[in-house]
N, C-alpha and C. Protein backbone atom coordinates (compact mmCIF):
# COMPACT_ATOMS: atom_id res chain seq x y z
N LEU A 1 19.65 -25.68 7.81
CA LEU A 1 18.77 -25.15 6.78
C LEU A 1 17.31 -25.37 7.18
N GLY A 2 16.58 -24.28 7.35
CA GLY A 2 15.16 -24.38 7.64
C GLY A 2 14.88 -24.96 9.02
N GLY A 3 14.61 -24.08 9.99
CA GLY A 3 14.36 -24.54 11.35
C GLY A 3 13.14 -25.43 11.48
N ALA A 4 12.12 -25.25 10.62
CA ALA A 4 10.92 -26.08 10.66
C ALA A 4 10.73 -26.89 9.38
N VAL A 5 10.99 -26.27 8.21
CA VAL A 5 10.77 -26.92 6.92
C VAL A 5 11.97 -26.67 6.02
N CYS A 6 12.46 -27.73 5.36
CA CYS A 6 13.56 -27.61 4.41
C CYS A 6 13.15 -28.31 3.11
N ILE A 7 13.01 -27.53 2.03
CA ILE A 7 12.67 -28.07 0.71
C ILE A 7 13.83 -27.77 -0.23
N ASP A 8 14.48 -28.80 -0.71
CA ASP A 8 15.58 -28.64 -1.65
C ASP A 8 15.20 -29.36 -2.93
N LEU A 9 14.81 -28.60 -3.93
CA LEU A 9 14.26 -29.09 -5.20
C LEU A 9 12.79 -29.47 -4.99
N GLY A 10 12.03 -29.50 -6.04
CA GLY A 10 10.61 -29.81 -5.92
C GLY A 10 9.78 -28.55 -5.76
N ALA A 11 8.80 -28.59 -4.84
CA ALA A 11 7.89 -27.46 -4.68
C ALA A 11 7.32 -27.40 -3.27
N PHE A 12 7.04 -26.17 -2.83
CA PHE A 12 6.39 -25.91 -1.55
C PHE A 12 5.15 -25.08 -1.85
N HIS A 13 3.97 -25.59 -1.49
CA HIS A 13 2.72 -24.85 -1.66
C HIS A 13 2.07 -24.72 -0.29
N MET A 14 1.75 -23.49 0.12
CA MET A 14 1.08 -23.28 1.40
C MET A 14 -0.23 -22.57 1.13
N ASN A 15 -1.35 -23.26 1.46
CA ASN A 15 -2.68 -22.71 1.23
C ASN A 15 -3.41 -22.36 2.53
N GLY A 16 -2.89 -22.82 3.66
CA GLY A 16 -3.51 -22.56 4.96
C GLY A 16 -2.65 -23.14 6.06
N GLY A 17 -3.15 -23.09 7.28
CA GLY A 17 -2.40 -23.62 8.41
C GLY A 17 -1.36 -22.64 8.90
N ALA A 18 -0.45 -23.14 9.74
CA ALA A 18 0.57 -22.27 10.33
C ALA A 18 1.89 -23.00 10.50
N ILE A 19 2.96 -22.26 10.27
CA ILE A 19 4.31 -22.69 10.59
C ILE A 19 4.86 -21.59 11.50
N THR A 20 5.19 -21.94 12.73
CA THR A 20 5.56 -20.90 13.67
C THR A 20 6.66 -21.36 14.63
N GLY A 21 7.48 -20.41 15.03
CA GLY A 21 8.48 -20.64 16.06
C GLY A 21 9.71 -21.42 15.66
N GLY A 22 9.92 -21.67 14.37
CA GLY A 22 11.13 -22.36 13.94
C GLY A 22 12.35 -21.46 14.10
N HIS A 23 13.49 -22.06 14.36
CA HIS A 23 14.68 -21.23 14.50
C HIS A 23 15.95 -22.04 14.27
N ILE A 24 16.99 -21.30 13.95
CA ILE A 24 18.33 -21.85 13.86
C ILE A 24 19.21 -20.96 14.73
N ASP A 25 19.75 -21.54 15.77
CA ASP A 25 20.57 -20.82 16.74
C ASP A 25 21.92 -21.52 16.79
N SER A 26 22.94 -20.88 16.25
CA SER A 26 24.22 -21.55 16.08
C SER A 26 25.37 -20.65 16.52
N THR A 27 26.47 -21.24 16.88
CA THR A 27 27.67 -20.47 17.19
C THR A 27 28.85 -20.92 16.33
N THR A 28 28.60 -21.81 15.37
CA THR A 28 29.66 -22.24 14.46
C THR A 28 29.86 -21.19 13.38
N SER A 29 30.70 -21.44 12.42
CA SER A 29 30.92 -20.47 11.34
C SER A 29 29.94 -20.67 10.19
N SER A 30 29.02 -21.62 10.30
CA SER A 30 28.08 -21.85 9.20
C SER A 30 26.95 -20.82 9.22
N ILE A 31 26.47 -20.46 8.04
CA ILE A 31 25.42 -19.45 7.89
C ILE A 31 24.06 -20.09 8.16
N PRO A 32 23.25 -19.49 9.04
CA PRO A 32 21.90 -20.01 9.26
C PRO A 32 20.93 -19.47 8.20
N TYR A 33 20.17 -20.37 7.59
CA TYR A 33 19.23 -20.02 6.52
C TYR A 33 17.81 -20.41 6.93
N GLY A 34 16.88 -19.45 6.92
CA GLY A 34 15.46 -19.74 7.07
C GLY A 34 15.04 -20.29 8.42
N GLY A 35 14.72 -19.40 9.35
CA GLY A 35 14.29 -19.84 10.67
C GLY A 35 13.11 -20.79 10.64
N ASN A 36 12.11 -20.50 9.82
CA ASN A 36 10.96 -21.39 9.65
C ASN A 36 11.06 -22.23 8.39
N VAL A 37 11.40 -21.60 7.26
CA VAL A 37 11.36 -22.29 5.96
C VAL A 37 12.62 -21.99 5.15
N TYR A 38 13.27 -23.04 4.69
CA TYR A 38 14.33 -22.94 3.68
C TYR A 38 13.76 -23.57 2.42
N CYS A 39 13.77 -22.83 1.30
CA CYS A 39 13.17 -23.34 0.08
C CYS A 39 14.04 -23.04 -1.12
N ASN A 40 14.74 -24.05 -1.61
CA ASN A 40 15.47 -23.98 -2.87
C ASN A 40 14.63 -24.76 -3.88
N ALA A 41 13.45 -24.21 -4.17
CA ALA A 41 12.45 -24.90 -4.98
C ALA A 41 11.36 -23.90 -5.33
N THR A 42 10.32 -24.35 -6.01
CA THR A 42 9.15 -23.51 -6.25
C THR A 42 8.49 -23.21 -4.90
N PHE A 43 8.14 -21.93 -4.69
CA PHE A 43 7.50 -21.51 -3.45
C PHE A 43 6.24 -20.74 -3.81
N ILE A 44 5.08 -21.29 -3.45
CA ILE A 44 3.80 -20.61 -3.71
C ILE A 44 3.02 -20.57 -2.41
N MET A 45 2.71 -19.37 -1.96
CA MET A 45 1.94 -19.19 -0.73
C MET A 45 0.67 -18.42 -1.06
N THR A 46 -0.49 -19.05 -0.81
CA THR A 46 -1.78 -18.40 -1.07
C THR A 46 -2.57 -18.15 0.21
N GLY A 47 -2.13 -18.72 1.32
CA GLY A 47 -2.82 -18.54 2.59
C GLY A 47 -2.02 -19.12 3.73
N GLY A 48 -2.56 -19.00 4.93
CA GLY A 48 -1.88 -19.50 6.11
C GLY A 48 -0.97 -18.46 6.73
N THR A 49 -0.22 -18.89 7.75
CA THR A 49 0.64 -17.99 8.50
C THR A 49 2.01 -18.63 8.71
N ILE A 50 3.04 -17.84 8.45
CA ILE A 50 4.42 -18.21 8.80
C ILE A 50 4.90 -17.12 9.75
N SER A 51 5.23 -17.50 10.99
CA SER A 51 5.50 -16.47 11.99
C SER A 51 6.56 -16.86 13.01
N ASP A 52 7.14 -15.82 13.60
CA ASP A 52 7.99 -15.91 14.78
C ASP A 52 9.20 -16.83 14.64
N GLY A 53 9.73 -16.92 13.43
CA GLY A 53 10.98 -17.66 13.22
C GLY A 53 12.18 -16.75 13.41
N TYR A 54 13.34 -17.35 13.69
CA TYR A 54 14.54 -16.54 13.74
C TYR A 54 15.78 -17.34 13.37
N VAL A 55 16.78 -16.60 12.89
CA VAL A 55 18.11 -17.14 12.67
C VAL A 55 19.08 -16.31 13.52
N LYS A 56 20.04 -17.01 14.13
CA LYS A 56 20.95 -16.30 15.03
C LYS A 56 22.30 -17.01 15.04
N ASN A 57 23.34 -16.25 14.75
CA ASN A 57 24.70 -16.75 14.84
C ASN A 57 25.63 -15.55 14.95
N PRO A 58 26.33 -15.38 16.07
CA PRO A 58 27.22 -14.23 16.21
C PRO A 58 28.46 -14.31 15.31
N ASN A 59 28.69 -15.47 14.68
CA ASN A 59 29.88 -15.67 13.86
C ASN A 59 29.60 -15.73 12.36
N ALA A 60 28.35 -15.59 11.96
CA ALA A 60 28.01 -15.63 10.53
C ALA A 60 26.72 -14.85 10.30
N ILE A 61 26.57 -14.28 9.12
CA ILE A 61 25.41 -13.45 8.81
C ILE A 61 24.21 -14.33 8.49
N GLY A 62 23.17 -14.25 9.32
CA GLY A 62 21.96 -15.04 9.13
C GLY A 62 21.13 -14.53 7.96
N ARG A 63 20.36 -15.44 7.37
CA ARG A 63 19.57 -15.09 6.18
C ARG A 63 18.15 -15.60 6.32
N GLY A 64 17.21 -14.67 6.50
CA GLY A 64 15.79 -15.02 6.52
C GLY A 64 15.29 -15.54 7.85
N GLY A 65 14.82 -14.63 8.71
CA GLY A 65 14.28 -15.04 10.00
C GLY A 65 13.13 -16.02 9.87
N ASN A 66 12.21 -15.74 8.96
CA ASN A 66 11.09 -16.65 8.70
C ASN A 66 11.33 -17.53 7.48
N ILE A 67 11.74 -16.93 6.35
CA ILE A 67 11.80 -17.66 5.08
C ILE A 67 13.09 -17.32 4.33
N TYR A 68 13.76 -18.35 3.82
CA TYR A 68 14.87 -18.17 2.89
C TYR A 68 14.47 -18.81 1.56
N LEU A 69 14.54 -18.02 0.46
CA LEU A 69 14.17 -18.50 -0.87
C LEU A 69 15.36 -18.44 -1.79
N SER A 70 15.58 -19.50 -2.57
CA SER A 70 16.65 -19.49 -3.57
C SER A 70 16.26 -20.37 -4.74
N GLY A 71 17.13 -20.37 -5.75
CA GLY A 71 16.87 -21.15 -6.96
C GLY A 71 16.35 -20.27 -8.07
N SER A 72 17.25 -19.83 -8.94
CA SER A 72 16.88 -18.89 -10.01
C SER A 72 15.80 -19.41 -10.93
N ALA A 73 15.75 -20.72 -11.14
CA ALA A 73 14.80 -21.30 -12.10
C ALA A 73 13.41 -21.52 -11.51
N TYR A 74 13.25 -21.31 -10.22
CA TYR A 74 11.98 -21.65 -9.56
C TYR A 74 11.07 -20.44 -9.36
N GLU A 75 9.77 -20.68 -9.53
CA GLU A 75 8.77 -19.65 -9.27
C GLU A 75 8.67 -19.40 -7.77
N LYS A 76 8.61 -18.12 -7.40
CA LYS A 76 8.43 -17.74 -6.01
C LYS A 76 7.34 -16.68 -5.97
N THR A 77 6.14 -17.06 -5.49
CA THR A 77 4.98 -16.17 -5.52
C THR A 77 4.25 -16.22 -4.19
N ILE A 78 3.91 -15.05 -3.68
CA ILE A 78 3.11 -14.93 -2.46
C ILE A 78 1.88 -14.10 -2.80
N THR A 79 0.69 -14.71 -2.69
CA THR A 79 -0.55 -14.01 -3.04
C THR A 79 -1.53 -13.87 -1.88
N GLY A 80 -1.23 -14.51 -0.76
CA GLY A 80 -2.13 -14.42 0.39
C GLY A 80 -1.46 -14.95 1.63
N GLY A 81 -2.15 -14.78 2.75
CA GLY A 81 -1.63 -15.24 4.03
C GLY A 81 -0.89 -14.15 4.76
N THR A 82 -0.21 -14.56 5.85
CA THR A 82 0.50 -13.62 6.71
C THR A 82 1.89 -14.16 7.01
N ILE A 83 2.87 -13.28 6.90
CA ILE A 83 4.25 -13.60 7.28
C ILE A 83 4.64 -12.53 8.29
N GLU A 84 4.91 -12.94 9.53
CA GLU A 84 5.11 -11.92 10.56
C GLU A 84 6.11 -12.35 11.64
N GLY A 85 6.71 -11.32 12.24
CA GLY A 85 7.52 -11.51 13.43
C GLY A 85 8.83 -12.24 13.26
N GLY A 86 9.36 -12.33 12.03
CA GLY A 86 10.65 -12.98 11.82
C GLY A 86 11.80 -12.08 12.23
N ILE A 87 12.86 -12.69 12.77
CA ILE A 87 14.03 -11.91 13.19
C ILE A 87 15.30 -12.56 12.65
N ALA A 88 16.13 -11.74 12.01
CA ALA A 88 17.47 -12.17 11.61
C ALA A 88 18.45 -11.45 12.52
N TYR A 89 18.90 -12.15 13.56
CA TYR A 89 19.92 -11.59 14.44
C TYR A 89 21.24 -11.68 13.70
N ASN A 90 21.98 -10.59 13.70
CA ASN A 90 23.24 -10.55 12.96
C ASN A 90 23.01 -10.97 11.51
N GLY A 91 21.91 -10.45 10.93
CA GLY A 91 21.58 -10.93 9.60
C GLY A 91 20.73 -9.98 8.79
N ASN A 92 20.19 -10.53 7.71
CA ASN A 92 19.40 -9.79 6.73
C ASN A 92 18.07 -10.49 6.49
N GLY A 93 17.04 -9.69 6.22
CA GLY A 93 15.74 -10.26 5.88
C GLY A 93 15.03 -10.87 7.08
N GLY A 94 14.48 -10.02 7.93
CA GLY A 94 13.79 -10.53 9.11
C GLY A 94 12.68 -11.51 8.78
N ASN A 95 11.85 -11.18 7.80
CA ASN A 95 10.78 -12.09 7.39
C ASN A 95 11.17 -12.93 6.18
N ILE A 96 11.74 -12.31 5.14
CA ILE A 96 12.04 -13.04 3.90
C ILE A 96 13.42 -12.62 3.38
N TYR A 97 14.21 -13.61 3.01
CA TYR A 97 15.49 -13.37 2.33
C TYR A 97 15.40 -14.06 0.97
N VAL A 98 15.57 -13.27 -0.10
CA VAL A 98 15.56 -13.82 -1.46
C VAL A 98 17.02 -13.93 -1.90
N GLY A 99 17.52 -15.16 -1.98
CA GLY A 99 18.93 -15.39 -2.29
C GLY A 99 19.25 -15.40 -3.77
N SER A 100 18.27 -15.79 -4.60
CA SER A 100 18.46 -15.79 -6.05
C SER A 100 17.11 -15.87 -6.73
N GLY A 101 17.08 -15.48 -8.00
CA GLY A 101 15.84 -15.56 -8.77
C GLY A 101 14.92 -14.39 -8.49
N SER A 102 13.63 -14.62 -8.65
CA SER A 102 12.64 -13.55 -8.52
C SER A 102 11.57 -13.93 -7.51
N LEU A 103 10.95 -12.90 -6.93
CA LEU A 103 9.83 -13.06 -6.02
C LEU A 103 8.76 -12.07 -6.42
N THR A 104 7.51 -12.56 -6.53
CA THR A 104 6.36 -11.69 -6.80
C THR A 104 5.43 -11.73 -5.61
N ILE A 105 5.06 -10.54 -5.13
CA ILE A 105 4.12 -10.40 -4.01
C ILE A 105 2.91 -9.64 -4.53
N THR A 106 1.73 -10.23 -4.33
CA THR A 106 0.51 -9.61 -4.82
C THR A 106 -0.67 -10.10 -3.98
N GLY A 107 -1.85 -9.55 -4.23
CA GLY A 107 -3.03 -10.01 -3.51
C GLY A 107 -3.14 -9.43 -2.11
N ASP A 108 -3.67 -10.23 -1.19
CA ASP A 108 -3.98 -9.76 0.16
C ASP A 108 -2.96 -10.18 1.21
N VAL A 109 -1.76 -10.49 0.81
CA VAL A 109 -0.73 -10.92 1.76
C VAL A 109 -0.38 -9.79 2.73
N GLU A 110 -0.07 -10.16 3.97
CA GLU A 110 0.44 -9.21 4.95
C GLU A 110 1.80 -9.68 5.42
N ILE A 111 2.79 -8.81 5.26
CA ILE A 111 4.15 -9.09 5.72
C ILE A 111 4.49 -8.00 6.72
N THR A 112 4.69 -8.39 7.98
CA THR A 112 4.79 -7.37 9.02
C THR A 112 5.70 -7.78 10.17
N GLY A 113 6.25 -6.78 10.83
CA GLY A 113 6.99 -6.99 12.07
C GLY A 113 8.30 -7.70 11.96
N GLY A 114 8.94 -7.70 10.78
CA GLY A 114 10.25 -8.33 10.64
C GLY A 114 11.35 -7.43 11.17
N GLU A 115 12.42 -8.06 11.68
CA GLU A 115 13.54 -7.30 12.23
C GLU A 115 14.86 -7.89 11.77
N ALA A 116 15.80 -7.00 11.42
CA ALA A 116 17.16 -7.42 11.09
C ALA A 116 18.11 -6.68 12.02
N HIS A 117 18.78 -7.42 12.89
CA HIS A 117 19.69 -6.85 13.88
C HIS A 117 21.12 -7.19 13.56
N ARG A 118 22.04 -6.42 14.08
CA ARG A 118 23.44 -6.78 13.93
C ARG A 118 24.06 -7.00 15.31
N MET A 119 24.88 -8.00 15.38
CA MET A 119 25.56 -8.35 16.64
C MET A 119 27.03 -7.96 16.59
N ILE A 120 27.54 -7.73 15.38
CA ILE A 120 28.92 -7.29 15.21
C ILE A 120 28.91 -6.12 14.24
N ALA A 121 30.03 -5.48 14.03
CA ALA A 121 30.08 -4.25 13.24
C ALA A 121 30.02 -4.50 11.74
N LEU A 122 28.94 -5.10 11.28
CA LEU A 122 28.69 -5.26 9.85
C LEU A 122 27.33 -4.66 9.55
N SER A 123 27.13 -4.17 8.34
CA SER A 123 25.82 -3.64 8.01
C SER A 123 24.84 -4.80 7.82
N ASN A 124 23.60 -4.53 8.12
CA ASN A 124 22.54 -5.50 7.91
C ASN A 124 21.37 -4.76 7.29
N GLY A 125 20.34 -5.47 6.91
CA GLY A 125 19.24 -4.74 6.31
C GLY A 125 18.03 -5.59 5.99
N GLY A 126 16.98 -4.87 5.58
CA GLY A 126 15.74 -5.52 5.20
C GLY A 126 14.98 -6.10 6.38
N GLY A 127 14.39 -5.22 7.17
CA GLY A 127 13.61 -5.70 8.30
C GLY A 127 12.58 -6.74 7.90
N ASN A 128 11.85 -6.48 6.82
CA ASN A 128 10.86 -7.44 6.33
C ASN A 128 11.39 -8.28 5.17
N ILE A 129 12.03 -7.64 4.18
CA ILE A 129 12.47 -8.37 2.98
C ILE A 129 13.88 -7.92 2.58
N TYR A 130 14.72 -8.90 2.23
CA TYR A 130 16.06 -8.62 1.72
C TYR A 130 16.23 -9.36 0.40
N GLY A 131 16.71 -8.65 -0.62
CA GLY A 131 17.01 -9.27 -1.91
C GLY A 131 18.51 -9.22 -2.18
N TYR A 132 19.10 -10.39 -2.45
CA TYR A 132 20.54 -10.49 -2.69
C TYR A 132 20.87 -10.02 -4.11
N ASP A 133 22.18 -10.01 -4.43
CA ASP A 133 22.66 -9.56 -5.73
C ASP A 133 21.91 -10.22 -6.88
N GLY A 134 21.42 -9.42 -7.82
CA GLY A 134 20.81 -9.94 -9.03
C GLY A 134 19.39 -10.44 -8.89
N THR A 135 18.80 -10.33 -7.72
CA THR A 135 17.41 -10.79 -7.57
C THR A 135 16.44 -9.78 -8.16
N GLU A 136 15.22 -10.25 -8.43
CA GLU A 136 14.15 -9.42 -8.96
C GLU A 136 12.96 -9.54 -8.01
N ILE A 137 12.57 -8.43 -7.40
CA ILE A 137 11.41 -8.44 -6.50
C ILE A 137 10.34 -7.54 -7.11
N THR A 138 9.13 -8.09 -7.26
CA THR A 138 8.00 -7.33 -7.80
C THR A 138 6.90 -7.32 -6.76
N ILE A 139 6.49 -6.12 -6.35
CA ILE A 139 5.45 -5.97 -5.33
C ILE A 139 4.25 -5.29 -5.98
N LEU A 140 3.19 -6.08 -6.19
CA LEU A 140 1.99 -5.59 -6.87
C LEU A 140 0.83 -5.34 -5.92
N GLY A 141 0.94 -5.82 -4.70
CA GLY A 141 -0.16 -5.66 -3.75
C GLY A 141 0.24 -6.16 -2.39
N GLY A 142 -0.74 -6.17 -1.50
CA GLY A 142 -0.49 -6.60 -0.13
C GLY A 142 -0.09 -5.44 0.75
N THR A 143 0.27 -5.76 1.98
CA THR A 143 0.74 -4.77 2.95
C THR A 143 2.05 -5.25 3.53
N ILE A 144 3.05 -4.38 3.50
CA ILE A 144 4.36 -4.69 4.06
C ILE A 144 4.66 -3.59 5.06
N SER A 145 4.68 -3.93 6.35
CA SER A 145 4.70 -2.88 7.37
C SER A 145 5.51 -3.26 8.60
N ASN A 146 5.80 -2.23 9.40
CA ASN A 146 6.42 -2.37 10.72
C ASN A 146 7.73 -3.14 10.71
N GLY A 147 8.52 -2.93 9.67
CA GLY A 147 9.85 -3.53 9.61
C GLY A 147 10.86 -2.68 10.36
N TYR A 148 11.92 -3.33 10.86
CA TYR A 148 12.95 -2.62 11.60
C TYR A 148 14.33 -3.18 11.27
N THR A 149 15.28 -2.29 11.12
CA THR A 149 16.69 -2.68 11.02
C THR A 149 17.55 -1.62 11.67
N GLU A 150 18.71 -2.02 12.12
CA GLU A 150 19.66 -1.06 12.67
C GLU A 150 20.49 -0.41 11.58
N SER A 151 20.32 -0.84 10.34
CA SER A 151 21.17 -0.33 9.29
C SER A 151 20.38 0.13 8.07
N LEU A 152 20.17 -0.72 7.07
CA LEU A 152 19.66 -0.30 5.77
C LEU A 152 18.28 -0.89 5.46
N GLY A 153 17.31 -0.04 5.17
CA GLY A 153 16.00 -0.50 4.71
C GLY A 153 15.16 -1.14 5.80
N GLY A 154 14.50 -0.32 6.59
CA GLY A 154 13.66 -0.85 7.66
C GLY A 154 12.65 -1.85 7.18
N ASN A 155 12.09 -1.62 6.00
CA ASN A 155 11.10 -2.52 5.42
C ASN A 155 11.73 -3.45 4.40
N VAL A 156 12.40 -2.88 3.39
CA VAL A 156 12.97 -3.66 2.29
C VAL A 156 14.36 -3.14 1.96
N PHE A 157 15.31 -4.05 1.81
CA PHE A 157 16.63 -3.72 1.28
C PHE A 157 16.94 -4.70 0.15
N THR A 158 17.38 -4.17 -0.98
CA THR A 158 17.72 -5.06 -2.09
C THR A 158 19.03 -4.64 -2.74
N ARG A 159 19.77 -5.66 -3.17
CA ARG A 159 20.97 -5.46 -3.97
C ARG A 159 20.69 -5.84 -5.43
N GLY A 160 19.42 -6.12 -5.70
CA GLY A 160 18.98 -6.45 -7.05
C GLY A 160 17.99 -5.42 -7.53
N ASN A 161 17.06 -5.82 -8.39
CA ASN A 161 16.05 -4.92 -8.93
C ASN A 161 14.73 -5.09 -8.18
N ILE A 162 14.00 -3.99 -8.05
CA ILE A 162 12.70 -4.04 -7.38
C ILE A 162 11.72 -3.14 -8.12
N SER A 163 10.50 -3.64 -8.25
CA SER A 163 9.42 -2.88 -8.87
C SER A 163 8.23 -2.89 -7.91
N ILE A 164 7.72 -1.69 -7.59
CA ILE A 164 6.61 -1.55 -6.66
C ILE A 164 5.51 -0.75 -7.35
N VAL A 165 4.32 -1.32 -7.40
CA VAL A 165 3.23 -0.67 -8.12
C VAL A 165 2.66 0.52 -7.35
N ASN A 166 2.77 0.50 -6.02
CA ASN A 166 2.20 1.57 -5.21
C ASN A 166 3.07 1.76 -3.98
N ARG A 167 3.69 2.91 -3.86
CA ARG A 167 4.60 3.19 -2.76
C ARG A 167 3.93 3.04 -1.39
N ASP A 168 2.64 3.26 -1.30
CA ASP A 168 1.93 3.17 -0.02
C ASP A 168 1.98 1.77 0.59
N ILE A 169 2.24 0.76 -0.23
CA ILE A 169 2.36 -0.61 0.27
C ILE A 169 3.46 -0.70 1.34
N LEU A 170 4.49 0.14 1.23
CA LEU A 170 5.65 0.06 2.11
C LEU A 170 5.68 1.08 3.24
N SER A 171 4.72 1.95 3.36
CA SER A 171 4.89 3.13 4.22
C SER A 171 4.14 3.07 5.54
N ASN A 172 4.26 1.98 6.27
CA ASN A 172 3.54 1.88 7.53
C ASN A 172 4.45 1.46 8.68
N GLY A 173 4.84 2.41 9.53
CA GLY A 173 5.50 2.12 10.79
C GLY A 173 6.86 1.48 10.72
N ASN A 174 7.65 1.75 9.68
CA ASN A 174 8.97 1.14 9.55
C ASN A 174 10.04 2.02 10.18
N SER A 175 11.16 1.42 10.58
CA SER A 175 12.24 2.23 11.11
C SER A 175 13.60 1.61 10.79
N ALA A 176 14.56 2.51 10.58
CA ALA A 176 15.95 2.11 10.36
C ALA A 176 16.82 3.12 11.09
N ASN A 177 17.78 2.64 11.84
CA ASN A 177 18.63 3.55 12.60
C ASN A 177 19.58 4.34 11.71
N GLU A 178 19.97 3.80 10.56
CA GLU A 178 20.94 4.49 9.72
C GLU A 178 20.34 5.06 8.44
N PHE A 179 19.79 4.24 7.56
CA PHE A 179 19.33 4.74 6.27
C PHE A 179 17.99 4.12 5.86
N ALA A 180 17.11 4.93 5.30
CA ALA A 180 15.93 4.49 4.55
C ALA A 180 15.00 3.57 5.33
N LYS A 181 14.06 4.17 6.02
CA LYS A 181 13.16 3.35 6.83
C LYS A 181 12.20 2.51 6.00
N GLU A 182 11.92 2.89 4.76
CA GLU A 182 11.00 2.11 3.92
C GLU A 182 11.72 1.20 2.94
N LEU A 183 12.60 1.76 2.09
CA LEU A 183 13.24 1.00 1.03
C LEU A 183 14.67 1.50 0.82
N ALA A 184 15.62 0.58 0.82
CA ALA A 184 16.99 0.90 0.47
C ALA A 184 17.42 -0.04 -0.65
N ALA A 185 18.17 0.49 -1.60
CA ALA A 185 18.64 -0.34 -2.71
C ALA A 185 20.11 -0.03 -2.98
N ASN A 186 20.85 -1.06 -3.39
CA ASN A 186 22.26 -0.92 -3.67
C ASN A 186 22.56 -1.73 -4.93
N THR A 187 23.00 -1.09 -5.97
CA THR A 187 23.43 -1.66 -7.24
C THR A 187 22.29 -2.07 -8.17
N GLY A 188 21.04 -2.09 -7.72
CA GLY A 188 19.94 -2.52 -8.59
C GLY A 188 19.14 -1.35 -9.11
N VAL A 189 18.05 -1.66 -9.81
CA VAL A 189 17.13 -0.67 -10.37
C VAL A 189 15.86 -0.67 -9.55
N VAL A 190 15.41 0.53 -9.16
CA VAL A 190 14.17 0.68 -8.39
C VAL A 190 13.13 1.31 -9.30
N THR A 191 11.97 0.68 -9.43
CA THR A 191 10.86 1.23 -10.21
C THR A 191 9.65 1.35 -9.32
N VAL A 192 9.14 2.57 -9.17
CA VAL A 192 7.94 2.80 -8.34
C VAL A 192 6.90 3.49 -9.18
C-alpha cells in the first residue's frame, strides 16, 4: 500500500514539495494500491507535485499509479498543484484511483500524462482518473489532459457519478484504443 506514502485514517495535507517515483511492483496475487500515495483518510492537496509513480502486477489489477484514495467518510479535495506521469500497468487510474467516497477537483490543479495499460485480457480504464462503483467525482476547474488507456476513458473512467462544470477541462490530447478518449462512464450519472 502506497509506494512512497501510506496514510490509513487521519489526514494527508499537501501544500508544496514533491513526491515522485514511488512504485509497487509485485508478482503475487495481492492488488497494488497507490504507486506514490495510498490514502484511506482525509486528502487535501493545495500545491506541490505528485509524479511518476506506478503500480504493476501481472496477476492482479493495479489501482492508482500515483494516488489511491478511499474512505467514504473522508474529504478528498484537490485545489492546486500537479499530478503527472502516473502509470497503472494492468490496472486502472494512471494518476488517481478513487475507491470510495467523493473527490472534488477545482482551482489551478493540473492532472496530466496518466496511463492505464493492460497486461492480460481484461478491460482497464481511466488514464488520468478512475472512479470505482458508487463514487462521486466533481470537476469544477483545473486541467486534466494527455491521458491514455488501451480500453475505456483515455482521461476519465467512472463506474460512479461524475459532474463536470466545463467539458473543455477534459479535452486535451487524450487517447483510448477502444472507447471514449475523454470520458467513459458505466452505471453512474454523468452531468456536464
